[in-house]
Amino acid sequence: MHVKRFDAARPYDAPNHWGVVGLRLQGFEEGGPVNQWVGLSQFLPGGGAGPDASPIEKVYVILEGALTVVIDGVETVLRPFDSCTIPAGETRLIENRGNHVCKMIVVMPYPPAT
């Protein structure tokens, strides 16, 4: 078992994100998961990401607040304990359009080896 305490989580910058603080909870470390990594994204009011696509799929799980996900012009609002999978190659825009911080867990496989 690999335990990582919240106090040991380190921030990371995600490309094309604004108004977001990301913390790496698991992954990219000795003894951690070998297939995926897990982050906690904290979107401030007005924060967001995209529009862009990733070559790998991702899973979002909302813990607090709300997040609007826009794909192909269709807007979906995710609230606490809602989740979604964004397939590889799908262009998405995400925004916190509310006045509360939106906290979400992100699970992604590691990037392909180059």
PDB file of N, CA and C in Angstrom:
ATOM      1  N   MET A   1       0.854  -1.187   0.000  1.00  0.00           N
ATOM      2  CA  MET A   1       0.000   0.000   0.000  1.00  0.00           C
ATOM      3  C   MET A   1       0.891   1.238   0.000  1.00  0.00           C
ATOM      4  N   HIS A   2       0.474   2.212  -0.763  1.00  0.00           N
ATOM      5  CA  HIS A   2       1.191   3.485  -0.840  1.00  0.00           C
ATOM      6  C   HIS A   2       0.266   4.572  -0.288  1.00  0.00           C
ATOM      7  N   VAL A   3       0.612   5.125   0.836  1.00  0.00           N
ATOM      8  CA  VAL A   3      -0.181   6.192   1.461  1.00  0.00           C
ATOM      9  C   VAL A   3       0.507   7.523   1.201  1.00  0.00           C
ATOM     10  N   LYS A   4      -0.279   8.482   0.795  1.00  0.00           N
ATOM     11  CA  LYS A   4       0.234   9.844   0.639  1.00  0.00           C
ATOM     12  C   LYS A   4      -0.727  10.757   1.378  1.00  0.00           C
ATOM     13  N   ARG A   5      -0.241  11.440   2.351  1.00  0.00           N
ATOM     14  CA  ARG A   5      -1.076  12.361   3.139  1.00  0.00           C
ATOM     15  C   ARG A   5      -1.353  13.638   2.345  1.00  0.00           C
ATOM     16  N   PHE A   6      -2.515  14.213   2.602  1.00  0.00           N
ATOM     17  CA  PHE A   6      -2.916  15.426   1.884  1.00  0.00           C
ATOM     18  C   PHE A   6      -1.876  16.528   2.043  1.00  0.00           C
ATOM     19  N   ASP A   7      -1.284  16.626   3.224  1.00  0.00           N
ATOM     20  CA  ASP A   7      -0.272  17.659   3.454  1.00  0.00           C
ATOM     21  C   ASP A   7       0.949  17.483   2.563  1.00  0.00           C
ATOM     22  N   ALA A   8       1.154  16.273   2.021  1.00  0.00           N
ATOM     23  CA  ALA A   8       2.303  16.008   1.146  1.00  0.00           C
ATOM     24  C   ALA A   8       1.982  16.232  -0.329  1.00  0.00           C
ATOM     25  N   ALA A   9       0.720  16.486  -0.661  1.00  0.00           N
ATOM     26  CA  ALA A   9       0.338  16.722  -2.062  1.00  0.00           C
ATOM     27  C   ALA A   9       0.992  18.009  -2.548  1.00  0.00           C
ATOM     28  N   ARG A  10       1.527  17.962  -3.747  1.00  0.00           N
ATOM     29  CA  ARG A  10       2.211  19.112  -4.317  1.00  0.00           C
ATOM     30  C   ARG A  10       1.401  19.707  -5.467  1.00  0.00           C
ATOM     31  N   PRO A  11       1.425  21.034  -5.588  1.00  0.00           N
ATOM     32  CA  PRO A  11       0.701  21.673  -6.692  1.00  0.00           C
ATOM     33  C   PRO A  11       1.324  21.349  -8.041  1.00  0.00           C
ATOM     34  N   TYR A  12       0.489  21.413  -9.064  1.00  0.00           N
ATOM     35  CA  TYR A  12       0.970  21.274 -10.431  1.00  0.00           C
ATOM     36  C   TYR A  12       0.177  22.222 -11.311  1.00  0.00           C
ATOM     37  N   ASP A  13       0.793  22.664 -12.395  1.00  0.00           N
ATOM     38  CA  ASP A  13       0.139  23.542 -13.366  1.00  0.00           C
ATOM     39  C   ASP A  13      -0.324  22.700 -14.544  1.00  0.00           C
ATOM     40  N   ALA A  14      -1.585  22.799 -14.880  1.00  0.00           N
ATOM     41  CA  ALA A  14      -2.127  22.101 -16.045  1.00  0.00           C
ATOM     42  C   ALA A  14      -2.179  23.084 -17.214  1.00  0.00           C
ATOM     43  N   PRO A  15      -1.789  22.662 -18.406  1.00  0.00           N
ATOM     44  CA  PRO A  15      -1.815  23.566 -19.550  1.00  0.00           C
ATOM     45  C   PRO A  15      -3.232  24.027 -19.885  1.00  0.00           C
ATOM     46  N   ASN A  16      -3.335  25.278 -20.317  1.00  0.00           N
ATOM     47  CA  ASN A  16      -4.602  25.874 -20.766  1.00  0.00           C
ATOM     48  C   ASN A  16      -5.681  25.881 -19.678  1.00  0.00           C
ATOM     49  N   HIS A  17      -5.280  26.010 -18.422  1.00  0.00           N
ATOM     50  CA  HIS A  17      -6.194  26.163 -17.285  1.00  0.00           C
ATOM     51  C   HIS A  17      -5.989  27.565 -16.710  1.00  0.00           C
ATOM     52  N   TRP A  18      -7.024  28.127 -16.140  1.00  0.00           N
ATOM     53  CA  TRP A  18      -6.920  29.427 -15.463  1.00  0.00           C
ATOM     54  C   TRP A  18      -7.800  29.389 -14.217  1.00  0.00           C
ATOM     55  N   GLY A  19      -7.364  30.117 -13.184  1.00  0.00           N
ATOM     56  CA  GLY A  19      -8.130  30.166 -11.944  1.00  0.00           C
ATOM     57  C   GLY A  19      -8.279  28.794 -11.299  1.00  0.00           C
ATOM     58  N   VAL A  20      -7.235  27.978 -11.388  1.00  0.00           N
ATOM     59  CA  VAL A  20      -7.281  26.603 -10.887  1.00  0.00           C
ATOM     60  C   VAL A  20      -6.021  26.322 -10.071  1.00  0.00           C
ATOM     61  N   VAL A  21      -6.209  25.670  -8.942  1.00  0.00           N
ATOM     62  CA  VAL A  21      -5.088  25.131  -8.186  1.00  0.00           C
ATOM     63  C   VAL A  21      -5.211  23.619  -8.236  1.00  0.00           C
ATOM     64  N   GLY A  22      -4.209  22.962  -8.805  1.00  0.00           N
ATOM     65  CA  GLY A  22      -4.203  21.507  -8.888  1.00  0.00           C
ATOM     66  C   GLY A  22      -3.219  20.923  -7.898  1.00  0.00           C
ATOM     67  N   LEU A  23      -3.629  19.857  -7.219  1.00  0.00           N
ATOM     68  CA  LEU A  23      -2.750  19.136  -6.309  1.00  0.00           C
ATOM     69  C   LEU A  23      -2.665  17.684  -6.759  1.00  0.00           C
ATOM     70  N   ARG A  24      -1.475  17.153  -6.867  1.00  0.00           N
ATOM     71  CA  ARG A  24      -1.308  15.747  -7.241  1.00  0.00           C
ATOM     72  C   ARG A  24      -1.449  14.906  -5.984  1.00  0.00           C
ATOM     73  N   LEU A  25      -2.501  14.086  -5.931  1.00  0.00           N
ATOM     74  CA  LEU A  25      -2.753  13.238  -4.769  1.00  0.00           C
ATOM     75  C   LEU A  25      -2.000  11.918  -4.856  1.00  0.00           C
ATOM     76  N   GLN A  26      -1.931  11.340  -6.051  1.00  0.00           N
ATOM     77  CA  GLN A  26      -1.230  10.077  -6.274  1.00  0.00           C
ATOM     78  C   GLN A  26      -0.639  10.104  -7.680  1.00  0.00           C
ATOM     79  N   GLY A  27       0.514   9.486  -7.826  1.00  0.00           N
ATOM     80  CA  GLY A  27       1.095   9.325  -9.145  1.00  0.00           C
ATOM     81  C   GLY A  27       2.391  10.073  -9.348  1.00  0.00           C
ATOM     82  N   PHE A  28       3.141   9.625 -10.364  1.00  0.00           N
ATOM     83  CA  PHE A  28       4.425  10.209 -10.727  1.00  0.00           C
ATOM     84  C   PHE A  28       5.411  10.168  -9.558  1.00  0.00           C
ATOM     85  N   GLU A  29       5.357   9.069  -8.760  1.00  0.00           N
ATOM     86  CA  GLU A  29       6.242   8.951  -7.604  1.00  0.00           C
ATOM     87  C   GLU A  29       6.539   7.486  -7.322  1.00  0.00           C
ATOM     88  N   GLU A  30       7.651   7.247  -6.703  1.00  0.00           N
ATOM     89  CA  GLU A  30       8.064   5.888  -6.339  1.00  0.00           C
ATOM     90  C   GLU A  30       7.014   5.233  -5.446  1.00  0.00           C
ATOM     91  N   GLY A  31       6.601   4.036  -5.814  1.00  0.00           N
ATOM     92  CA  GLY A  31       5.628   3.292  -5.016  1.00  0.00           C
ATOM     93  C   GLY A  31       4.180   3.638  -5.299  1.00  0.00           C
ATOM     94  N   GLY A  32       3.951   4.646  -6.127  1.00  0.00           N
ATOM     95  CA  GLY A  32       2.587   5.075  -6.444  1.00  0.00           C
ATOM     96  C   GLY A  32       1.963   4.211  -7.527  1.00  0.00           C
ATOM     97  N   PRO A  33       0.792   4.595  -8.009  1.00  0.00           N
ATOM     98  CA  PRO A  33       0.101   3.800  -9.019  1.00  0.00           C
ATOM     99  C   PRO A  33       0.908   3.709 -10.311  1.00  0.00           C
ATOM    100  N   VAL A  34       0.750   2.576 -11.000  1.00  0.00           N
ATOM    101  CA  VAL A  34       1.516   2.363 -12.224  1.00  0.00           C
ATOM    102  C   VAL A  34       0.703   2.634 -13.487  1.00  0.00           C
ATOM    103  N   ASN A  35      -0.615   2.759 -13.368  1.00  0.00           N
ATOM    104  CA  ASN A  35      -1.465   2.932 -14.550  1.00  0.00           C
ATOM    105  C   ASN A  35      -2.071   4.313 -14.700  1.00  0.00           C
ATOM    106  N   GLN A  36      -2.262   5.032 -13.618  1.00  0.00           N
ATOM    107  CA  GLN A  36      -2.922   6.330 -13.677  1.00  0.00           C
ATOM    108  C   GLN A  36      -2.438   7.205 -12.529  1.00  0.00           C
ATOM    109  N   TRP A  37      -2.788   8.482 -12.621  1.00  0.00           N
ATOM    110  CA  TRP A  37      -2.516   9.403 -11.531  1.00  0.00           C
ATOM    111  C   TRP A  37      -3.818  10.085 -11.136  1.00  0.00           C
ATOM    112  N   VAL A  38      -3.843  10.655  -9.923  1.00  0.00           N
ATOM    113  CA  VAL A  38      -5.056  11.245  -9.365  1.00  0.00           C
ATOM    114  C   VAL A  38      -4.727  12.649  -8.870  1.00  0.00           C
ATOM    115  N   GLY A  39      -5.563  13.602  -9.277  1.00  0.00           N
ATOM    116  CA  GLY A  39      -5.367  14.975  -8.842  1.00  0.00           C
ATOM    117  C   GLY A  39      -6.621  15.547  -8.222  1.00  0.00           C
ATOM    118  N   LEU A  40      -6.443  16.601  -7.451  1.00  0.00           N
ATOM    119  CA  LEU A  40      -7.552  17.391  -6.915  1.00  0.00           C
ATOM    120  C   LEU A  40      -7.457  18.756  -7.573  1.00  0.00           C
ATOM    121  N   SER A  41      -8.465  19.115  -8.369  1.00  0.00           N
ATOM    122  CA  SER A  41      -8.513  20.426  -9.015  1.00  0.00           C
ATOM    123  C   SER A  41      -9.490  21.302  -8.255  1.00  0.00           C
ATOM    124  N   GLN A  42      -9.034  22.508  -7.913  1.00  0.00           N
ATOM    125  CA  GLN A  42      -9.867  23.471  -7.199  1.00  0.00           C
ATOM    126  C   GLN A  42     -10.043  24.686  -8.109  1.00  0.00           C
ATOM    127  N   PHE A  43     -11.242  24.776  -8.703  1.00  0.00           N
ATOM    128  CA  PHE A  43     -11.551  25.845  -9.643  1.00  0.00           C
ATOM    129  C   PHE A  43     -12.173  27.016  -8.884  1.00  0.00           C
ATOM    130  N   LEU A  44     -11.511  28.153  -8.926  1.00  0.00           N
ATOM    131  CA  LEU A  44     -12.081  29.358  -8.336  1.00  0.00           C
ATOM    132  C   LEU A  44     -13.262  29.823  -9.171  1.00  0.00           C
ATOM    133  N   PRO A  45     -14.150  30.649  -8.626  1.00  0.00           N
ATOM    134  CA  PRO A  45     -15.212  31.214  -9.454  1.00  0.00           C
ATOM    135  C   PRO A  45     -14.597  31.872 -10.696  1.00  0.00           C
ATOM    136  N   GLY A  46     -15.124  31.536 -11.859  1.00  0.00           N
ATOM    137  CA  GLY A  46     -14.601  32.052 -13.116  1.00  0.00           C
ATOM    138  C   GLY A  46     -13.451  31.239 -13.688  1.00  0.00           C
ATOM    139  N   GLY A  47     -12.957  30.256 -12.940  1.00  0.00           N
ATOM    140  CA  GLY A  47     -11.857  29.425 -13.411  1.00  0.00           C
ATOM    141  C   GLY A  47     -12.336  28.405 -14.437  1.00  0.00           C
ATOM    142  N   GLY A  48     -11.400  27.893 -15.214  1.00  0.00           N
ATOM    143  CA  GLY A  48     -11.789  26.909 -16.209  1.00  0.00           C
ATOM    144  C   GLY A  48     -10.601  26.348 -16.954  1.00  0.00           C
ATOM    145  N   ALA A  49     -10.918  25.635 -18.035  1.00  0.00           N
ATOM    146  CA  ALA A  49      -9.891  25.030 -18.880  1.00  0.00           C
ATOM    147  C   ALA A  49     -10.438  24.811 -20.282  1.00  0.00           C
ATOM    148  N   GLY A  50      -9.545  24.912 -21.263  1.00  0.00           N
ATOM    149  CA  GLY A  50      -9.936  24.630 -22.643  1.00  0.00           C
ATOM    150  C   GLY A  50     -10.341  25.896 -23.382  1.00  0.00           C
ATOM    151  N   PRO A  51     -10.983  25.703 -24.506  1.00  0.00           N
ATOM    152  CA  PRO A  51     -11.329  24.419 -25.110  1.00  0.00           C
ATOM    153  C   PRO A  51     -10.094  23.735 -25.702  1.00  0.00           C
ATOM    154  N   ASP A  52      -9.975  22.457 -25.406  1.00  0.00           N
ATOM    155  CA  ASP A  52      -8.924  21.644 -25.976  1.00  0.00           C
ATOM    156  C   ASP A  52      -9.247  20.170 -25.798  1.00  0.00           C
ATOM    157  N   ALA A  53      -8.432  19.343 -26.412  1.00  0.00           N
ATOM    158  CA  ALA A  53      -8.590  17.896 -26.328  1.00  0.00           C
ATOM    159  C   ALA A  53      -7.279  17.303 -25.846  1.00  0.00           C
ATOM    160  N   SER A  54      -7.374  16.127 -25.276  1.00  0.00           N
ATOM    161  CA  SER A  54      -6.210  15.412 -24.774  1.00  0.00           C
ATOM    162  C   SER A  54      -6.106  14.074 -25.495  1.00  0.00           C
ATOM    163  N   PRO A  55      -4.901  13.577 -25.697  1.00  0.00           N
ATOM    164  CA  PRO A  55      -4.767  12.279 -26.347  1.00  0.00           C
ATOM    165  C   PRO A  55      -5.105  11.103 -25.425  1.00  0.00           C
ATOM    166  N   ILE A  56      -5.412  11.389 -24.172  1.00  0.00           N
ATOM    167  CA  ILE A  56      -5.789  10.332 -23.227  1.00  0.00           C
ATOM    168  C   ILE A  56      -7.105  10.686 -22.547  1.00  0.00           C
ATOM    169  N   GLU A  57      -7.858   9.662 -22.159  1.00  0.00           N
ATOM    170  CA  GLU A  57      -9.138   9.911 -21.497  1.00  0.00           C
ATOM    171  C   GLU A  57      -8.914  10.418 -20.082  1.00  0.00           C
ATOM    172  N   LYS A  58      -9.955  11.017 -19.522  1.00  0.00           N
ATOM    173  CA  LYS A  58      -9.905  11.488 -18.139  1.00  0.00           C
ATOM    174  C   LYS A  58     -11.271  11.302 -17.507  1.00  0.00           C
ATOM    175  N   VAL A  59     -11.280  11.176 -16.210  1.00  0.00           N
ATOM    176  CA  VAL A  59     -12.513  11.051 -15.426  1.00  0.00           C
ATOM    177  C   VAL A  59     -12.544  12.202 -14.435  1.00  0.00           C
ATOM    178  N   TYR A  60     -13.688  12.870 -14.358  1.00  0.00           N
ATOM    179  CA  TYR A  60     -13.912  13.937 -13.387  1.00  0.00           C
ATOM    180  C   TYR A  60     -14.956  13.470 -12.383  1.00  0.00           C
ATOM    181  N   VAL A  61     -14.715  13.748 -11.099  1.00  0.00           N
ATOM    182  CA  VAL A  61     -15.698  13.494 -10.037  1.00  0.00           C
ATOM    183  C   VAL A  61     -15.797  14.781  -9.226  1.00  0.00           C
ATOM    184  N   ILE A  62     -16.983  15.385  -9.215  1.00  0.00           N
ATOM    185  CA  ILE A  62     -17.177  16.639  -8.493  1.00  0.00           C
ATOM    186  C   ILE A  62     -17.390  16.342  -7.012  1.00  0.00           C
ATOM    187  N   LEU A  63     -16.655  17.052  -6.159  1.00  0.00           N
ATOM    188  CA  LEU A  63     -16.797  16.896  -4.708  1.00  0.00           C
ATOM    189  C   LEU A  63     -17.609  18.026  -4.094  1.00  0.00           C
ATOM    190  N   GLU A  64     -17.368  19.244  -4.563  1.00  0.00           N
ATOM    191  CA  GLU A  64     -18.062  20.438  -4.047  1.00  0.00           C
ATOM    192  C   GLU A  64     -18.275  21.418  -5.188  1.00  0.00           C
ATOM    193  N   GLY A  65     -19.321  22.226  -5.066  1.00  0.00           N
ATOM    194  CA  GLY A  65     -19.577  23.246  -6.072  1.00  0.00           C
ATOM    195  C   GLY A  65     -20.183  22.648  -7.330  1.00  0.00           C
ATOM    196  N   ALA A  66     -20.004  23.352  -8.436  1.00  0.00           N
ATOM    197  CA  ALA A  66     -20.554  22.906  -9.725  1.00  0.00           C
ATOM    198  C   ALA A  66     -19.586  23.290 -10.825  1.00  0.00           C
ATOM    199  N   LEU A  67     -19.580  22.476 -11.873  1.00  0.00           N
ATOM    200  CA  LEU A  67     -18.708  22.716 -13.015  1.00  0.00           C
ATOM    201  C   LEU A  67     -19.511  22.516 -14.286  1.00  0.00           C
ATOM    202  N   THR A  68     -19.422  23.481 -15.200  1.00  0.00           N
ATOM    203  CA  THR A  68     -20.088  23.361 -16.501  1.00  0.00           C
ATOM    204  C   THR A  68     -19.099  22.782 -17.494  1.00  0.00           C
ATOM    205  N   VAL A  69     -19.510  21.690 -18.146  1.00  0.00           N
ATOM    206  CA  VAL A  69     -18.697  21.028 -19.169  1.00  0.00           C
ATOM    207  C   VAL A  69     -19.390  21.250 -20.506  1.00  0.00           C
ATOM    208  N   VAL A  70     -18.666  21.796 -21.482  1.00  0.00           N
ATOM    209  CA  VAL A  70     -19.230  22.075 -22.802  1.00  0.00           C
ATOM    210  C   VAL A  70     -18.510  21.200 -23.825  1.00  0.00           C
ATOM    211  N   ILE A  71     -19.284  20.353 -24.518  1.00  0.00           N
ATOM    212  CA  ILE A  71     -18.758  19.492 -25.568  1.00  0.00           C
ATOM    213  C   ILE A  71     -19.688  19.591 -26.764  1.00  0.00           C
ATOM    214  N   ASP A  72     -19.127  19.945 -27.913  1.00  0.00           N
ATOM    215  CA  ASP A  72     -19.922  20.101 -29.142  1.00  0.00           C
ATOM    216  C   ASP A  72     -21.113  21.033 -28.940  1.00  0.00           C
ATOM    217  N   GLY A  73     -20.903  22.119 -28.173  1.00  0.00           N
ATOM    218  CA  GLY A  73     -21.955  23.099 -27.942  1.00  0.00           C
ATOM    219  C   GLY A  73     -22.995  22.695 -26.907  1.00  0.00           C
ATOM    220  N   VAL A  74     -22.909  21.486 -26.383  1.00  0.00           N
ATOM    221  CA  VAL A  74     -23.864  21.010 -25.371  1.00  0.00           C
ATOM    222  C   VAL A  74     -23.267  21.247 -23.986  1.00  0.00           C
ATOM    223  N   GLU A  75     -24.020  21.973 -23.140  1.00  0.00           N
ATOM    224  CA  GLU A  75     -23.565  22.288 -21.790  1.00  0.00           C
ATOM    225  C   GLU A  75     -24.182  21.315 -20.795  1.00  0.00           C
ATOM    226  N   THR A  76     -23.339  20.765 -19.931  1.00  0.00           N
ATOM    227  CA  THR A  76     -23.790  19.879 -18.860  1.00  0.00           C
ATOM    228  C   THR A  76     -23.214  20.396 -17.552  1.00  0.00           C
ATOM    229  N   VAL A  77     -24.055  20.578 -16.551  1.00  0.00           N
ATOM    230  CA  VAL A  77     -23.593  21.027 -15.247  1.00  0.00           C
ATOM    231  C   VAL A  77     -23.441  19.806 -14.344  1.00  0.00           C
ATOM    232  N   LEU A  78     -22.236  19.647 -13.812  1.00  0.00           N
ATOM    233  CA  LEU A  78     -21.952  18.570 -12.867  1.00  0.00           C
ATOM    234  C   LEU A  78     -21.942  19.138 -11.455  1.00  0.00           C
ATOM    235  N   ARG A  79     -22.572  18.414 -10.547  1.00  0.00           N
ATOM    236  CA  ARG A  79     -22.678  18.820  -9.141  1.00  0.00           C
ATOM    237  C   ARG A  79     -22.080  17.737  -8.252  1.00  0.00           C
ATOM    238  N   PRO A  80     -22.021  17.954  -6.930  1.00  0.00           N
ATOM    239  CA  PRO A  80     -21.356  16.982  -6.057  1.00  0.00           C
ATOM    240  C   PRO A  80     -21.766  15.532  -6.314  1.00  0.00           C
ATOM    241  N   PHE A  81     -20.727  14.727  -6.471  1.00  0.00           N
ATOM    242  CA  PHE A  81     -20.770  13.281  -6.692  1.00  0.00           C
ATOM    243  C   PHE A  81     -21.247  12.891  -8.085  1.00  0.00           C
ATOM    244  N   ASP A  82     -21.494  13.887  -8.970  1.00  0.00           N
ATOM    245  CA  ASP A  82     -21.656  13.582 -10.388  1.00  0.00           C
ATOM    246  C   ASP A  82     -20.260  13.310 -10.937  1.00  0.00           C
ATOM    247  N   SER A  83     -20.200  12.505 -11.988  1.00  0.00           N
ATOM    248  CA  SER A  83     -18.918  12.219 -12.622  1.00  0.00           C
ATOM    249  C   SER A  83     -19.116  12.114 -14.126  1.00  0.00           C
ATOM    250  N   CYS A  84     -18.016  12.228 -14.852  1.00  0.00           N
ATOM    251  CA  CYS A  84     -18.068  12.054 -16.303  1.00  0.00           C
ATOM    252  C   CYS A  84     -16.725  11.538 -16.793  1.00  0.00           C
ATOM    253  N   THR A  85     -16.760  10.904 -17.944  1.00  0.00           N
ATOM    254  CA  THR A  85     -15.553  10.479 -18.643  1.00  0.00           C
ATOM    255  C   THR A  85     -15.432  11.313 -19.907  1.00  0.00           C
ATOM    256  N   ILE A  86     -14.271  11.892 -20.109  1.00  0.00           N
ATOM    257  CA  ILE A  86     -13.978  12.624 -21.338  1.00  0.00           C
ATOM    258  C   ILE A  86     -13.066  11.701 -22.167  1.00  0.00           C
ATOM    259  N   PRO A  87     -13.563  11.177 -23.287  1.00  0.00           N
ATOM    260  CA  PRO A  87     -12.740  10.273 -24.096  1.00  0.00           C
ATOM    261  C   PRO A  87     -11.529  10.984 -24.698  1.00  0.00           C
ATOM    262  N   ALA A  88     -10.525  10.214 -25.021  1.00  0.00           N
ATOM    263  CA  ALA A  88      -9.348  10.748 -25.712  1.00  0.00           C
ATOM    264  C   ALA A  88      -9.786  11.432 -27.004  1.00  0.00           C
ATOM    265  N   GLY A  89      -9.235  12.605 -27.264  1.00  0.00           N
ATOM    266  CA  GLY A  89      -9.519  13.310 -28.505  1.00  0.00           C
ATOM    267  C   GLY A  89     -10.776  14.159 -28.502  1.00  0.00           C
ATOM    268  N   GLU A  90     -11.584  14.092 -27.444  1.00  0.00           N
ATOM    269  CA  GLU A  90     -12.820  14.886 -27.403  1.00  0.00           C
ATOM    270  C   GLU A  90     -12.507  16.289 -26.878  1.00  0.00           C
ATOM    271  N   THR A  91     -12.903  17.318 -27.637  1.00  0.00           N
ATOM    272  CA  THR A  91     -12.661  18.700 -27.227  1.00  0.00           C
ATOM    273  C   THR A  91     -13.690  19.110 -26.189  1.00  0.00           C
ATOM    274  N   ARG A  92     -13.179  19.645 -25.080  1.00  0.00           N
ATOM    275  CA  ARG A  92     -14.063  20.084 -24.006  1.00  0.00           C
ATOM    276  C   ARG A  92     -13.623  21.444 -23.471  1.00  0.00           C
ATOM    277  N   LEU A  93     -14.608  22.182 -22.979  1.00  0.00           N
ATOM    278  CA  LEU A  93     -14.391  23.420 -22.250  1.00  0.00           C
ATOM    279  C   LEU A  93     -15.028  23.202 -20.890  1.00  0.00           C
ATOM    280  N   ILE A  94     -14.331  23.549 -19.810  1.00  0.00           N
ATOM    281  CA  ILE A  94     -14.925  23.447 -18.478  1.00  0.00           C
ATOM    282  C   ILE A  94     -14.786  24.792 -17.785  1.00  0.00           C
ATOM    283  N   GLU A  95     -15.849  25.174 -17.057  1.00  0.00           N
ATOM    284  CA  GLU A  95     -15.866  26.470 -16.379  1.00  0.00           C
ATOM    285  C   GLU A  95     -16.632  26.368 -15.068  1.00  0.00           C
ATOM    286  N   ASN A  96     -16.115  27.070 -14.063  1.00  0.00           N
ATOM    287  CA  ASN A  96     -16.850  27.258 -12.827  1.00  0.00           C
ATOM    288  C   ASN A  96     -17.606  28.576 -12.972  1.00  0.00           C
ATOM    289  N   ARG A  97     -18.894  28.484 -13.235  1.00  0.00           N
ATOM    290  CA  ARG A  97     -19.718  29.683 -13.456  1.00  0.00           C
ATOM    291  C   ARG A  97     -20.429  30.133 -12.201  1.00  0.00           C
ATOM    292  N   GLY A  98     -20.140  29.480 -11.075  1.00  0.00           N
ATOM    293  CA  GLY A  98     -20.781  29.835  -9.808  1.00  0.00           C
ATOM    294  C   GLY A  98     -19.886  30.706  -8.942  1.00  0.00           C
ATOM    295  N   ASN A  99     -20.340  30.969  -7.731  1.00  0.00           N
ATOM    296  CA  ASN A  99     -19.609  31.813  -6.793  1.00  0.00           C
ATOM    297  C   ASN A  99     -18.871  31.020  -5.725  1.00  0.00           C
ATOM    298  N   HIS A 100     -18.939  29.691  -5.789  1.00  0.00           N
ATOM    299  CA  HIS A 100     -18.248  28.834  -4.833  1.00  0.00           C
ATOM    300  C   HIS A 100     -17.096  28.124  -5.534  1.00  0.00           C
ATOM    301  N   VAL A 101     -16.071  27.790  -4.788  1.00  0.00           N
ATOM    302  CA  VAL A 101     -14.979  26.988  -5.342  1.00  0.00           C
ATOM    303  C   VAL A 101     -15.532  25.623  -5.721  1.00  0.00           C
ATOM    304  N   CYS A 102     -15.151  25.140  -6.882  1.00  0.00           N
ATOM    305  CA  CYS A 102     -15.518  23.792  -7.314  1.00  0.00           C
ATOM    306  C   CYS A 102     -14.306  22.895  -7.089  1.00  0.00           C
ATOM    307  N   LYS A 103     -14.502  21.839  -6.312  1.00  0.00           N
ATOM    308  CA  LYS A 103     -13.425  20.874  -6.069  1.00  0.00           C
ATOM    309  C   LYS A 103     -13.766  19.588  -6.796  1.00  0.00           C
ATOM    310  N   MET A 104     -12.790  19.078  -7.542  1.00  0.00           N
ATOM    311  CA  MET A 104     -13.040  17.866  -8.309  1.00  0.00           C
ATOM    312  C   MET A 104     -11.808  16.976  -8.320  1.00  0.00           C
ATOM    313  N   ILE A 105     -12.069  15.677  -8.295  1.00  0.00           N
ATOM    314  CA  ILE A 105     -11.032  14.667  -8.449  1.00  0.00           C
ATOM    315  C   ILE A 105     -10.869  14.408  -9.950  1.00  0.00           C
ATOM    316  N   VAL A 106      -9.637  14.322 -10.401  1.00  0.00           N
ATOM    317  CA  VAL A 106      -9.322  14.000 -11.789  1.00  0.00           C
ATOM    318  C   VAL A 106      -8.495  12.713 -11.780  1.00  0.00           C
ATOM    319  N   VAL A 107      -8.903  11.752 -12.602  1.00  0.00           N
ATOM    320  CA  VAL A 107      -8.153  10.503 -12.753  1.00  0.00           C
ATOM    321  C   VAL A 107      -7.787  10.375 -14.227  1.00  0.00           C
ATOM    322  N   MET A 108      -6.486  10.208 -14.483  1.00  0.00           N
ATOM    323  CA  MET A 108      -6.001  10.105 -15.869  1.00  0.00           C
ATOM    324  C   MET A 108      -4.913   9.049 -15.948  1.00  0.00           C
ATOM    325  N   PRO A 109      -4.886   8.300 -17.057  1.00  0.00           N
ATOM    326  CA  PRO A 109      -3.737   7.414 -17.268  1.00  0.00           C
ATOM    327  C   PRO A 109      -2.478   8.258 -17.484  1.00  0.00           C
ATOM    328  N   TYR A 110      -1.344   7.645 -17.275  1.00  0.00           N
ATOM    329  CA  TYR A 110      -0.107   8.348 -17.572  1.00  0.00           C
ATOM    330  C   TYR A 110      -0.011   8.628 -19.070  1.00  0.00           C
ATOM    331  N   PRO A 111       0.662   9.717 -19.440  1.00  0.00           N
ATOM    332  CA  PRO A 111       0.844   9.991 -20.875  1.00  0.00           C
ATOM    333  C   PRO A 111       1.624   8.854 -21.525  1.00  0.00           C
ATOM    334  N   PRO A 112       1.387   8.616 -22.808  1.00  0.00           N
ATOM    335  CA  PRO A 112       2.129   7.563 -23.513  1.00  0.00           C
ATOM    336  C   PRO A 112       3.622   7.858 -23.492  1.00  0.00           C
ATOM    337  N   ALA A 113       4.428   6.821 -23.390  1.00  0.00           N
ATOM    338  CA  ALA A 113       5.881   6.983 -23.416  1.00  0.00           C
ATOM    339  C   ALA A 113       6.305   7.465 -24.804  1.00  0.00           C
ATOM    340  N   THR A 114       7.267   8.344 -24.830  1.00  0.00           N
ATOM    341  CA  THR A 114       7.734   8.868 -26.115  1.00  0.00           C
ATOM    342  C   THR A 114       9.038   8.247 -26.528  1.00  0.00           C
TER     343      THR A 114
END
